[in-house]
Amino acid sequence: MLYAQDSWAVLLIFQAMDAAGKDGAIKHVMSGINPQGCQVASFKAPSPRSRITTTSGACQKRLPERGHIGIFNRFLLRESASGARASRASRQAEAAVDPGQQEDLGPALRDICAFERYLTRNGIAIRKFFLHISHAEQKRRFLERLDTPEKNWKFSAADIAERRYWREYMAAYQT
């Protein structure tokens, strides 16, 4: 029906902390969809340099065409805001400033929201899914990755370092 109408595209955005099961959820949810009309784009965690950037050509290049479904496994623009949020929040916490205010994200959040409104006005229906995982469950899954040889490739020492910013990331995802 979506393909036949050729008037809308659907963009599904899956967000989660590392080890929350984004890949598995996408595989399960999309198992009944014809793969010809569906494209999955996986974005790596942003580098410190890309966290500064609020728009991304990589995201724009991977948007679904009308009549198709696009899936973003981690949305780079949201990740940019999360990274900026975590960085700013940790600096503000040291300065005893409330990091929970929307102004903390400043132009990055406004740009992201404007970009999403632009996509919607231009025929892309956006649906976002945040997979929640507890701090303890994430630790268990990281340890499982270390203990299971087939999952070793998924483990990164950077994941452990990022756990220090758990609260900041949770606050960023909830804004």
Protein backbone atom coordinates (compact mmCIF):
# COMPACT_ATOMS: atom_id res chain seq x y z
CA MET A 1 0.00 0.00 0.00
CA LEU A 2 2.78 2.42 0.94
CA TYR A 3 4.65 1.63 -2.27
CA ALA A 4 1.51 1.83 -4.42
CA GLN A 5 0.56 5.26 -3.09
CA ASP A 6 4.07 6.64 -3.62
CA SER A 7 3.24 9.73 -1.57
CA TRP A 8 4.88 9.05 1.79
CA ALA A 9 8.02 7.42 3.11
CA VAL A 10 8.33 6.02 6.61
CA LEU A 11 11.46 6.54 8.68
CA LEU A 12 11.80 4.36 11.79
CA ILE A 13 14.48 5.55 14.18
CA PHE A 14 15.82 3.11 16.76
CA GLN A 15 17.80 4.66 19.62
CA ALA A 16 19.30 2.94 22.61
CA MET A 17 22.34 2.74 24.79
CA ASP A 18 25.02 0.28 23.70
CA ALA A 19 24.04 -3.38 24.16
CA ALA A 20 20.32 -2.61 24.37
CA GLY A 21 19.47 -4.80 21.39
CA LYS A 22 18.77 -2.38 18.53
CA ASP A 23 19.90 -4.88 15.86
CA GLY A 24 17.79 -7.67 17.29
CA ALA A 25 14.72 -5.46 17.63
CA ILE A 26 15.03 -4.25 14.04
CA LYS A 27 15.45 -7.81 12.78
CA HIS A 28 12.42 -9.02 14.75
CA VAL A 29 10.09 -6.09 13.96
CA MET A 30 10.94 -5.99 10.28
CA SER A 31 10.97 -9.75 9.65
CA GLY A 32 7.55 -9.62 7.93
CA ILE A 33 8.42 -6.74 5.58
CA ASN A 34 9.42 -7.19 1.95
CA PRO A 35 13.13 -6.29 1.94
CA GLN A 36 12.82 -4.63 -1.49
CA GLY A 37 10.93 -1.72 0.06
CA CYS A 38 13.01 -1.40 3.20
CA GLN A 39 16.48 0.03 3.79
CA VAL A 40 18.43 -0.14 7.03
CA ALA A 41 21.11 2.45 7.74
CA SER A 42 23.40 1.86 10.69
CA PHE A 43 25.36 4.79 11.99
CA LYS A 44 28.43 4.40 14.13
CA ALA A 45 28.73 6.36 17.32
CA PRO A 46 29.82 9.87 16.39
CA SER A 47 33.38 11.02 16.70
CA PRO A 48 34.04 14.07 18.87
CA ARG A 49 34.32 16.13 15.69
CA SER A 50 30.98 14.98 14.28
CA ARG A 51 29.26 15.60 17.60
CA ILE A 52 29.77 19.28 16.96
CA THR A 53 27.96 19.09 13.63
CA THR A 54 24.18 19.37 13.84
CA THR A 55 23.40 18.35 10.26
CA SER A 56 24.70 15.34 8.46
CA GLY A 57 24.90 14.55 4.78
CA ALA A 58 25.17 10.88 5.74
CA CYS A 59 21.65 10.97 7.19
CA GLN A 60 20.24 12.88 4.24
CA LYS A 61 21.76 10.43 1.74
CA ARG A 62 20.09 7.51 3.51
CA LEU A 63 16.57 8.88 3.77
CA PRO A 64 13.91 6.56 2.31
CA GLU A 65 12.30 7.32 -1.02
CA ARG A 66 8.54 7.79 -1.20
CA GLY A 67 6.82 4.44 -0.97
CA HIS A 68 9.68 2.92 1.03
CA ILE A 69 10.55 2.33 4.67
CA GLY A 70 13.87 3.49 6.04
CA ILE A 71 15.29 2.33 9.33
CA PHE A 72 17.98 4.27 11.14
CA ASN A 73 19.87 2.14 13.63
CA ARG A 74 21.01 5.01 15.80
CA PHE A 75 20.22 8.39 14.31
CA LEU A 76 23.34 10.45 13.82
CA LEU A 77 21.66 13.78 14.45
CA ARG A 78 20.21 12.56 17.74
CA GLU A 79 23.56 11.04 18.64
CA SER A 80 25.19 14.39 17.98
CA ALA A 81 22.82 16.03 20.40
CA SER A 82 23.30 13.27 22.95
CA GLY A 83 27.04 13.63 22.76
CA ALA A 84 26.83 17.39 23.03
CA ARG A 85 24.34 17.00 25.87
CA ALA A 86 26.54 14.59 27.79
CA SER A 87 29.56 16.81 27.37
CA ARG A 88 27.73 19.98 28.35
CA ALA A 89 25.90 18.27 31.19
CA SER A 90 29.09 16.98 32.74
CA ARG A 91 30.67 20.44 32.52
CA GLN A 92 27.56 22.05 33.97
CA ALA A 93 27.32 19.54 36.78
CA GLU A 94 30.77 20.60 37.84
CA ALA A 95 29.59 24.20 37.81
CA ALA A 96 26.39 23.28 39.72
CA VAL A 97 24.19 24.37 36.80
CA ASP A 98 20.93 22.48 36.16
CA PRO A 99 21.58 20.33 33.02
CA GLY A 100 17.91 19.45 32.66
CA GLN A 101 16.87 22.59 30.83
CA GLN A 102 16.25 22.48 27.08
CA GLU A 103 18.47 25.52 26.57
CA ASP A 104 21.47 23.34 27.42
CA LEU A 105 21.25 21.79 23.98
CA GLY A 106 20.96 25.18 22.36
CA PRO A 107 21.13 25.34 18.61
CA ALA A 108 21.79 21.61 18.12
CA LEU A 109 18.39 20.55 19.47
CA ARG A 110 16.58 23.31 17.57
CA ASP A 111 18.33 22.28 14.34
CA ILE A 112 17.43 18.63 14.83
CA CYS A 113 13.79 19.45 15.54
CA ALA A 114 13.66 21.76 12.51
CA PHE A 115 15.19 19.03 10.32
CA GLU A 116 12.60 16.51 11.52
CA ARG A 117 9.78 18.99 10.83
CA TYR A 118 11.24 19.58 7.36
CA LEU A 119 11.27 15.83 6.66
CA THR A 120 7.65 15.49 7.78
CA ARG A 121 6.52 18.41 5.60
CA ASN A 122 8.25 16.72 2.69
CA GLY A 123 6.51 13.39 2.99
CA ILE A 124 8.57 11.38 5.46
CA ALA A 125 6.61 10.08 8.43
CA ILE A 126 9.00 9.65 11.37
CA ARG A 127 8.49 7.16 14.17
CA LYS A 128 11.06 6.93 16.97
CA PHE A 129 11.71 4.01 19.27
CA PHE A 130 13.94 4.20 22.32
CA LEU A 131 14.88 0.81 23.72
CA HIS A 132 15.34 1.16 27.45
CA ILE A 133 17.96 -0.84 29.28
CA SER A 134 19.09 -0.54 32.86
CA HIS A 135 22.65 0.26 33.85
CA ALA A 136 22.93 -3.18 35.47
CA GLU A 137 21.55 -4.97 32.39
CA GLN A 138 23.98 -3.15 30.14
CA LYS A 139 26.86 -4.29 32.37
CA ARG A 140 25.59 -7.88 32.22
CA ARG A 141 25.43 -7.75 28.42
CA PHE A 142 28.92 -6.25 28.16
CA LEU A 143 30.27 -9.06 30.34
CA GLU A 144 28.43 -11.60 28.19
CA ARG A 145 30.13 -10.11 25.11
CA LEU A 146 33.49 -10.72 26.77
CA ASP A 147 32.59 -14.27 27.88
CA THR A 148 31.10 -15.37 24.54
CA PRO A 149 33.69 -15.67 21.75
CA GLU A 150 31.06 -15.10 19.03
CA LYS A 151 30.18 -11.76 20.63
CA ASN A 152 33.71 -10.51 21.35
CA TRP A 153 33.67 -8.39 18.18
CA LYS A 154 30.81 -6.32 19.65
CA PHE A 155 32.83 -5.25 22.66
CA SER A 156 34.67 -1.96 22.74
CA ALA A 157 36.66 -0.47 25.61
CA ALA A 158 35.08 2.86 24.68
CA ASP A 159 31.72 1.42 25.77
CA ILE A 160 33.03 1.09 29.30
CA ALA A 161 34.28 4.68 29.31
CA GLU A 162 30.87 5.91 28.10
CA ARG A 163 29.12 4.27 31.06
CA ARG A 164 30.45 7.10 33.23
CA TYR A 165 27.96 9.40 31.47
CA TRP A 166 24.91 7.17 31.93
CA ARG A 167 22.79 9.80 33.70
CA GLU A 168 23.65 12.48 31.18
CA TYR A 169 22.77 10.22 28.25
CA MET A 170 19.47 9.22 29.87
CA ALA A 171 18.61 12.89 30.36
CA ALA A 172 19.52 13.63 26.74
CA TYR A 173 17.34 10.85 25.38
CA GLN A 174 14.41 12.09 27.44
CA THR A 175 14.56 15.63 26.07
